[in-house]
Protein backbone atom coordinates (compact mmCIF):
# COMPACT_ATOMS: atom_id res chain seq x y z
CA MET A 1 39.56 34.39 -43.80
CA ASN A 2 37.08 32.54 -46.00
CA ASP A 3 33.85 34.01 -47.42
CA ILE A 4 31.58 32.52 -44.74
CA THR A 5 33.73 33.85 -41.91
CA ARG A 6 33.92 37.25 -43.59
CA GLU A 7 30.12 37.44 -43.91
CA ILE A 8 29.70 36.49 -40.26
CA THR A 9 32.29 38.99 -39.01
CA ASP A 10 30.70 41.70 -41.19
CA PHE A 11 27.28 40.92 -39.69
CA LEU A 12 28.65 40.89 -36.14
CA SER A 13 30.67 44.08 -36.59
CA ALA A 14 27.65 45.93 -37.99
CA ALA A 15 25.23 44.60 -35.36
CA LEU A 16 27.59 45.25 -32.45
CA ARG A 17 28.91 48.54 -33.87
CA GLN A 18 32.40 47.34 -33.13
CA GLN A 19 34.97 45.52 -35.23
CA VAL A 20 34.89 41.80 -34.45
CA GLY A 21 37.62 39.39 -35.52
CA PRO A 22 37.15 35.74 -36.47
CA ASP A 23 38.43 34.49 -33.11
CA ASP A 24 36.87 37.15 -30.86
CA ASP A 25 34.57 35.60 -28.25
CA TYR A 26 31.90 38.31 -28.16
CA PHE A 27 30.04 36.51 -25.35
CA ALA A 28 33.11 36.46 -23.09
CA LEU A 29 33.77 40.11 -23.98
CA GLY A 30 30.26 41.01 -22.80
CA LEU A 31 29.25 42.42 -26.18
CA VAL A 32 26.10 40.30 -26.59
CA ASP A 33 23.21 38.95 -24.58
CA SER A 34 20.76 36.10 -25.03
CA LEU A 35 18.46 38.22 -27.21
CA PHE A 36 21.31 38.88 -29.62
CA ALA A 37 22.13 35.16 -29.59
CA LEU A 38 18.66 34.51 -31.04
CA GLU A 39 19.25 37.18 -33.66
CA LEU A 40 22.55 35.52 -34.54
CA VAL A 41 20.90 32.11 -34.92
CA THR A 42 18.22 33.67 -37.14
CA PHE A 43 20.90 35.31 -39.29
CA VAL A 44 22.79 32.02 -39.69
CA GLU A 45 19.61 30.14 -40.65
CA SER A 46 18.49 32.77 -43.12
CA ARG A 47 21.83 33.59 -44.72
CA PHE A 48 23.08 30.02 -45.09
CA SER A 49 19.70 28.35 -45.77
CA LEU A 50 19.87 25.88 -42.92
CA THR A 51 17.90 25.00 -39.83
CA VAL A 52 19.43 25.25 -36.39
CA GLU A 53 17.82 22.43 -34.44
CA VAL A 54 17.34 22.46 -30.67
CA GLU A 55 20.21 19.99 -30.31
CA ASP A 56 22.43 22.45 -32.25
CA LEU A 57 21.94 25.22 -29.70
CA ASP A 58 25.30 24.82 -28.04
CA LEU A 59 26.81 28.19 -27.11
CA GLU A 60 30.26 26.84 -27.94
CA SER A 61 29.27 26.65 -31.62
CA PHE A 62 28.30 30.32 -31.71
CA ARG A 63 31.02 32.02 -29.59
CA THR A 64 33.22 33.15 -32.51
CA ALA A 65 32.88 33.68 -36.24
CA ASP A 66 35.29 30.79 -36.85
CA ARG A 67 33.17 28.44 -34.75
CA ILE A 68 30.02 29.53 -36.58
CA THR A 69 31.82 28.88 -39.87
CA ARG A 70 32.64 25.32 -38.77
CA PHE A 71 29.02 24.86 -37.68
CA VAL A 72 27.69 26.10 -41.05
CA LEU A 73 30.08 23.83 -42.94
CA SER A 74 29.08 20.83 -40.85
CA LYS A 75 25.36 21.52 -41.40
CA THR A 76 25.78 21.98 -45.14
CA GLY A 77 28.13 19.03 -45.60
CA ALA A 78 30.90 21.22 -47.00
CA PRO A 79 34.56 20.27 -46.57
CA GLU A 80 36.06 21.11 -43.18
CA TYR A 81 37.39 24.63 -42.80
CA THR A 82 40.97 25.00 -41.64
CA GLU A 83 42.01 28.29 -40.08
CA THR A 84 45.08 29.93 -41.54
CA PRO A 85 47.35 32.16 -39.46
């Protein structure tokens, strides 16, 4: 797990009061609602100093910590993240 993914899973685990893994789809698990989704977007913008544009608001990009990591890397122009087993 890279540093970005770790920060995101730490945030999610603390906010949801439940351990969340990098591939856990917290929306499908019913752990979050649309209000939390806004909080998550705000966290990503603040923590990683980027702007989530309206066209970026695709739920698929925010379903798991790994997907958020890929989104952050794409917005910051960092090299592509490859998951390791």
